Amino acid sequence: MHALIAYFPRSEGGTVRIPREWREASDCVVLFTLNTLFFLLGAFAMWAGLIWRRTTKPDL
């Protein structure tokens, strides 16, 4: 994203205005990425717990 912002014309203050749609889209990408990360962490934790339970109490 920073590479794309470099091509926008800069104002006198040095800040770059990006379109509102890009800001909303980047927020959605961040939320999707975080949700995917937590989902994978949860899936891995459940898998590890299942393996641990089956190896410590195999008769259940």
PDB file of N, CA and C in Angstrom:
ATOM      1  N   MET A   1       0.823  -1.191   0.000  1.00  0.00           N
ATOM      2  CA  MET A   1       0.000   0.000   0.000  1.00  0.00           C
ATOM      3  C   MET A   1       0.864   1.251   0.000  1.00  0.00           C
ATOM      4  N   HIS A   2       1.980   1.198   0.714  1.00  0.00           N
ATOM      5  CA  HIS A   2       2.831   2.379   0.773  1.00  0.00           C
ATOM      6  C   HIS A   2       3.431   2.707  -0.589  1.00  0.00           C
ATOM      7  N   ALA A   3       3.642   1.695  -1.408  1.00  0.00           N
ATOM      8  CA  ALA A   3       4.197   1.953  -2.725  1.00  0.00           C
ATOM      9  C   ALA A   3       3.204   2.720  -3.591  1.00  0.00           C
ATOM     10  N   LEU A   4       1.921   2.425  -3.438  1.00  0.00           N
ATOM     11  CA  LEU A   4       0.911   3.144  -4.217  1.00  0.00           C
ATOM     12  C   LEU A   4       0.757   4.580  -3.735  1.00  0.00           C
ATOM     13  N   ILE A   5       0.866   4.791  -2.426  1.00  0.00           N
ATOM     14  CA  ILE A   5       0.702   6.141  -1.883  1.00  0.00           C
ATOM     15  C   ILE A   5       1.829   7.056  -2.362  1.00  0.00           C
ATOM     16  N   ALA A   6       2.980   6.502  -2.650  1.00  0.00           N
ATOM     17  CA  ALA A   6       4.120   7.321  -3.075  1.00  0.00           C
ATOM     18  C   ALA A   6       3.834   8.029  -4.389  1.00  0.00           C
ATOM     19  N   TYR A   7       2.896   7.534  -5.186  1.00  0.00           N
ATOM     20  CA  TYR A   7       2.623   8.138  -6.480  1.00  0.00           C
ATOM     21  C   TYR A   7       1.556   9.229  -6.428  1.00  0.00           C
ATOM     22  N   PHE A   8       0.904   9.426  -5.296  1.00  0.00           N
ATOM     23  CA  PHE A   8      -0.070  10.495  -5.175  1.00  0.00           C
ATOM     24  C   PHE A   8       0.647  11.826  -5.000  1.00  0.00           C
ATOM     25  N   PRO A   9       0.103  12.891  -5.555  1.00  0.00           N
ATOM     26  CA  PRO A   9       0.730  14.205  -5.345  1.00  0.00           C
ATOM     27  C   PRO A   9       0.633  14.613  -3.878  1.00  0.00           C
ATOM     28  N   ARG A  10       1.718  15.126  -3.348  1.00  0.00           N
ATOM     29  CA  ARG A  10       1.745  15.503  -1.939  1.00  0.00           C
ATOM     30  C   ARG A  10       1.353  16.970  -1.774  1.00  0.00           C
ATOM     31  N   SER A  11       0.670  17.226  -0.673  1.00  0.00           N
ATOM     32  CA  SER A  11       0.303  18.603  -0.374  1.00  0.00           C
ATOM     33  C   SER A  11       1.468  19.287   0.337  1.00  0.00           C
ATOM     34  N   GLU A  12       1.282  20.537   0.670  1.00  0.00           N
ATOM     35  CA  GLU A  12       2.343  21.297   1.334  1.00  0.00           C
ATOM     36  C   GLU A  12       2.654  20.736   2.723  1.00  0.00           C
ATOM     37  N   GLY A  13       1.654  20.188   3.395  1.00  0.00           N
ATOM     38  CA  GLY A  13       1.864  19.668   4.746  1.00  0.00           C
ATOM     39  C   GLY A  13       2.569  18.323   4.766  1.00  0.00           C
ATOM     40  N   GLY A  14       2.712  17.703   3.626  1.00  0.00           N
ATOM     41  CA  GLY A  14       3.381  16.418   3.572  1.00  0.00           C
ATOM     42  C   GLY A  14       2.458  15.222   3.773  1.00  0.00           C
ATOM     43  N   THR A  15       1.177  15.467   3.975  1.00  0.00           N
ATOM     44  CA  THR A  15       0.248  14.357   4.132  1.00  0.00           C
ATOM     45  C   THR A  15      -0.366  13.996   2.788  1.00  0.00           C
ATOM     46  N   VAL A  16      -0.790  12.773   2.689  1.00  0.00           N
ATOM     47  CA  VAL A  16      -1.362  12.276   1.438  1.00  0.00           C
ATOM     48  C   VAL A  16      -2.825  11.952   1.677  1.00  0.00           C
ATOM     49  N   ARG A  17      -3.688  12.467   0.855  1.00  0.00           N
ATOM     50  CA  ARG A  17      -5.109  12.130   0.956  1.00  0.00           C
ATOM     51  C   ARG A  17      -5.382  10.939   0.051  1.00  0.00           C
ATOM     52  N   ILE A  18      -5.961   9.911   0.645  1.00  0.00           N
ATOM     53  CA  ILE A  18      -6.315   8.740  -0.147  1.00  0.00           C
ATOM     54  C   ILE A  18      -7.833   8.696  -0.274  1.00  0.00           C
ATOM     55  N   PRO A  19      -8.321   8.067  -1.326  1.00  0.00           N
ATOM     56  CA  PRO A  19      -9.781   7.989  -1.489  1.00  0.00           C
ATOM     57  C   PRO A  19     -10.427   7.222  -0.343  1.00  0.00           C
ATOM     58  N   ARG A  20     -11.647   7.615  -0.023  1.00  0.00           N
ATOM     59  CA  ARG A  20     -12.366   6.976   1.083  1.00  0.00           C
ATOM     60  C   ARG A  20     -12.575   5.487   0.832  1.00  0.00           C
ATOM     61  N   GLU A  21     -12.830   5.118  -0.411  1.00  0.00           N
ATOM     62  CA  GLU A  21     -13.049   3.711  -0.747  1.00  0.00           C
ATOM     63  C   GLU A  21     -11.807   2.875  -0.442  1.00  0.00           C
ATOM     64  N   TRP A  22     -10.630   3.446  -0.686  1.00  0.00           N
ATOM     65  CA  TRP A  22      -9.383   2.715  -0.418  1.00  0.00           C
ATOM     66  C   TRP A  22      -9.207   2.507   1.077  1.00  0.00           C
ATOM     67  N   ARG A  23      -9.562   3.520   1.860  1.00  0.00           N
ATOM     68  CA  ARG A  23      -9.430   3.399   3.310  1.00  0.00           C
ATOM     69  C   ARG A  23     -10.376   2.333   3.844  1.00  0.00           C
ATOM     70  N   GLU A  24     -11.612   2.329   3.365  1.00  0.00           N
ATOM     71  CA  GLU A  24     -12.574   1.321   3.800  1.00  0.00           C
ATOM     72  C   GLU A  24     -12.146  -0.069   3.344  1.00  0.00           C
ATOM     73  N   ALA A  25     -11.625  -0.159   2.131  1.00  0.00           N
ATOM     74  CA  ALA A  25     -11.171  -1.456   1.621  1.00  0.00           C
ATOM     75  C   ALA A  25      -9.976  -1.957   2.427  1.00  0.00           C
ATOM     76  N   SER A  26      -9.064  -1.065   2.776  1.00  0.00           N
ATOM     77  CA  SER A  26      -7.904  -1.509   3.553  1.00  0.00           C
ATOM     78  C   SER A  26      -8.326  -1.939   4.955  1.00  0.00           C
ATOM     79  N   ASP A  27      -9.339  -1.279   5.520  1.00  0.00           N
ATOM     80  CA  ASP A  27      -9.861  -1.723   6.813  1.00  0.00           C
ATOM     81  C   ASP A  27     -10.442  -3.131   6.699  1.00  0.00           C
ATOM     82  N   CYS A  28     -11.159  -3.398   5.611  1.00  0.00           N
ATOM     83  CA  CYS A  28     -11.730  -4.735   5.411  1.00  0.00           C
ATOM     84  C   CYS A  28     -10.632  -5.778   5.246  1.00  0.00           C
ATOM     85  N   VAL A  29      -9.569  -5.432   4.554  1.00  0.00           N
ATOM     86  CA  VAL A  29      -8.462  -6.377   4.362  1.00  0.00           C
ATOM     87  C   VAL A  29      -7.808  -6.687   5.708  1.00  0.00           C
ATOM     88  N   VAL A  30      -7.620  -5.671   6.531  1.00  0.00           N
ATOM     89  CA  VAL A  30      -7.010  -5.885   7.849  1.00  0.00           C
ATOM     90  C   VAL A  30      -7.909  -6.772   8.707  1.00  0.00           C
ATOM     91  N   LEU A  31      -9.206  -6.502   8.725  1.00  0.00           N
ATOM     92  CA  LEU A  31     -10.124  -7.318   9.518  1.00  0.00           C
ATOM     93  C   LEU A  31     -10.179  -8.753   9.006  1.00  0.00           C
ATOM     94  N   PHE A  32     -10.190  -8.934   7.692  1.00  0.00           N
ATOM     95  CA  PHE A  32     -10.196 -10.280   7.128  1.00  0.00           C
ATOM     96  C   PHE A  32      -8.926 -11.033   7.509  1.00  0.00           C
ATOM     97  N   THR A  33      -7.789 -10.346   7.443  1.00  0.00           N
ATOM     98  CA  THR A  33      -6.516 -10.973   7.784  1.00  0.00           C
ATOM     99  C   THR A  33      -6.476 -11.371   9.259  1.00  0.00           C
ATOM    100  N   LEU A  34      -6.940 -10.482  10.131  1.00  0.00           N
ATOM    101  CA  LEU A  34      -6.955 -10.803  11.563  1.00  0.00           C
ATOM    102  C   LEU A  34      -7.903 -11.960  11.861  1.00  0.00           C
ATOM    103  N   ASN A  35      -9.081 -11.951  11.232  1.00  0.00           N
ATOM    104  CA  ASN A  35     -10.020 -13.056  11.443  1.00  0.00           C
ATOM    105  C   ASN A  35      -9.433 -14.371  10.954  1.00  0.00           C
ATOM    106  N   THR A  36      -8.752 -14.352   9.831  1.00  0.00           N
ATOM    107  CA  THR A  36      -8.124 -15.568   9.319  1.00  0.00           C
ATOM    108  C   THR A  36      -7.032 -16.050  10.268  1.00  0.00           C
ATOM    109  N   LEU A  37      -6.238 -15.129  10.775  1.00  0.00           N
ATOM    110  CA  LEU A  37      -5.182 -15.489  11.718  1.00  0.00           C
ATOM    111  C   LEU A  37      -5.759 -16.140  12.965  1.00  0.00           C
ATOM    112  N   PHE A  38      -6.781 -15.517  13.559  1.00  0.00           N
ATOM    113  CA  PHE A  38      -7.364 -16.077  14.786  1.00  0.00           C
ATOM    114  C   PHE A  38      -8.071 -17.397  14.517  1.00  0.00           C
ATOM    115  N   PHE A  39      -8.691 -17.536  13.354  1.00  0.00           N
ATOM    116  CA  PHE A  39      -9.324 -18.806  13.008  1.00  0.00           C
ATOM    117  C   PHE A  39      -8.271 -19.903  12.908  1.00  0.00           C
ATOM    118  N   LEU A  40      -7.171 -19.629  12.233  1.00  0.00           N
ATOM    119  CA  LEU A  40      -6.121 -20.637  12.103  1.00  0.00           C
ATOM    120  C   LEU A  40      -5.474 -20.953  13.445  1.00  0.00           C
ATOM    121  N   LEU A  41      -5.282 -19.950  14.291  1.00  0.00           N
ATOM    122  CA  LEU A  41      -4.744 -20.205  15.627  1.00  0.00           C
ATOM    123  C   LEU A  41      -5.690 -21.080  16.443  1.00  0.00           C
ATOM    124  N   GLY A  42      -6.979 -20.805  16.356  1.00  0.00           N
ATOM    125  CA  GLY A  42      -7.954 -21.614  17.066  1.00  0.00           C
ATOM    126  C   GLY A  42      -8.007 -23.038  16.541  1.00  0.00           C
ATOM    127  N   ALA A  43      -7.954 -23.185  15.215  1.00  0.00           N
ATOM    128  CA  ALA A  43      -7.962 -24.528  14.627  1.00  0.00           C
ATOM    129  C   ALA A  43      -6.721 -25.301  15.048  1.00  0.00           C
ATOM    130  N   PHE A  44      -5.571 -24.661  15.059  1.00  0.00           N
ATOM    131  CA  PHE A  44      -4.346 -25.322  15.482  1.00  0.00           C
ATOM    132  C   PHE A  44      -4.408 -25.703  16.955  1.00  0.00           C
ATOM    133  N   ALA A  45      -4.969 -24.820  17.792  1.00  0.00           N
ATOM    134  CA  ALA A  45      -5.083 -25.118  19.221  1.00  0.00           C
ATOM    135  C   ALA A  45      -6.022 -26.301  19.451  1.00  0.00           C
ATOM    136  N   MET A  46      -7.122 -26.352  18.715  1.00  0.00           N
ATOM    137  CA  MET A  46      -8.035 -27.492  18.869  1.00  0.00           C
ATOM    138  C   MET A  46      -7.379 -28.787  18.400  1.00  0.00           C
ATOM    139  N   TRP A  47      -6.648 -28.719  17.319  1.00  0.00           N
ATOM    140  CA  TRP A  47      -5.948 -29.897  16.802  1.00  0.00           C
ATOM    141  C   TRP A  47      -4.891 -30.369  17.806  1.00  0.00           C
ATOM    142  N   ALA A  48      -4.127 -29.423  18.363  1.00  0.00           N
ATOM    143  CA  ALA A  48      -3.114 -29.780  19.353  1.00  0.00           C
ATOM    144  C   ALA A  48      -3.763 -30.357  20.604  1.00  0.00           C
ATOM    145  N   GLY A  49      -4.883 -29.787  21.036  1.00  0.00           N
ATOM    146  CA  GLY A  49      -5.597 -30.323  22.191  1.00  0.00           C
ATOM    147  C   GLY A  49      -6.124 -31.726  21.932  1.00  0.00           C
ATOM    148  N   LEU A  50      -6.606 -31.969  20.730  1.00  0.00           N
ATOM    149  CA  LEU A  50      -7.090 -33.307  20.384  1.00  0.00           C
ATOM    150  C   LEU A  50      -5.955 -34.325  20.414  1.00  0.00           C
ATOM    151  N   ILE A  51      -4.824 -33.960  19.844  1.00  0.00           N
ATOM    152  CA  ILE A  51      -3.666 -34.860  19.868  1.00  0.00           C
ATOM    153  C   ILE A  51      -3.201 -35.095  21.300  1.00  0.00           C
ATOM    154  N   TRP A  52      -3.138 -34.043  22.100  1.00  0.00           N
ATOM    155  CA  TRP A  52      -2.699 -34.190  23.486  1.00  0.00           C
ATOM    156  C   TRP A  52      -3.646 -35.097  24.264  1.00  0.00           C
ATOM    157  N   ARG A  53      -4.969 -34.902  24.074  1.00  0.00           N
ATOM    158  CA  ARG A  53      -5.932 -35.731  24.802  1.00  0.00           C
ATOM    159  C   ARG A  53      -5.857 -37.201  24.395  1.00  0.00           C
ATOM    160  N   ARG A  54      -5.653 -37.441  23.120  1.00  0.00           N
ATOM    161  CA  ARG A  54      -5.609 -38.832  22.650  1.00  0.00           C
ATOM    162  C   ARG A  54      -4.311 -39.526  23.049  1.00  0.00           C
ATOM    163  N   THR A  55      -3.252 -38.775  23.271  1.00  0.00           N
ATOM    164  CA  THR A  55      -1.984 -39.414  23.655  1.00  0.00           C
ATOM    165  C   THR A  55      -1.876 -39.578  25.173  1.00  0.00           C
ATOM    166  N   THR A  56      -2.528 -38.719  25.961  1.00  0.00           N
ATOM    167  CA  THR A  56      -2.422 -38.836  27.418  1.00  0.00           C
ATOM    168  C   THR A  56      -3.493 -39.746  27.992  1.00  0.00           C
ATOM    169  N   LYS A  57      -4.642 -39.833  27.338  1.00  0.00           N
ATOM    170  CA  LYS A  57      -5.740 -40.705  27.809  1.00  0.00           C
ATOM    171  C   LYS A  57      -6.265 -41.540  26.635  1.00  0.00           C
ATOM    172  N   PRO A  58      -5.494 -42.497  26.170  1.00  0.00           N
ATOM    173  CA  PRO A  58      -5.913 -43.220  24.972  1.00  0.00           C
ATOM    174  C   PRO A  58      -7.112 -44.141  25.183  1.00  0.00           C
ATOM    175  N   ASP A  59      -7.481 -44.455  26.441  1.00  0.00           N
ATOM    176  CA  ASP A  59      -8.587 -45.373  26.674  1.00  0.00           C
ATOM    177  C   ASP A  59      -9.956 -44.714  26.613  1.00  0.00           C
ATOM    178  N   LEU A  60     -10.040 -43.387  26.508  1.00  0.00           N
ATOM    179  CA  LEU A  60     -11.334 -42.705  26.453  1.00  0.00           C
ATOM    180  C   LEU A  60     -11.937 -42.707  25.096  1.00  0.00           C
TER     181      LEU A  60
END
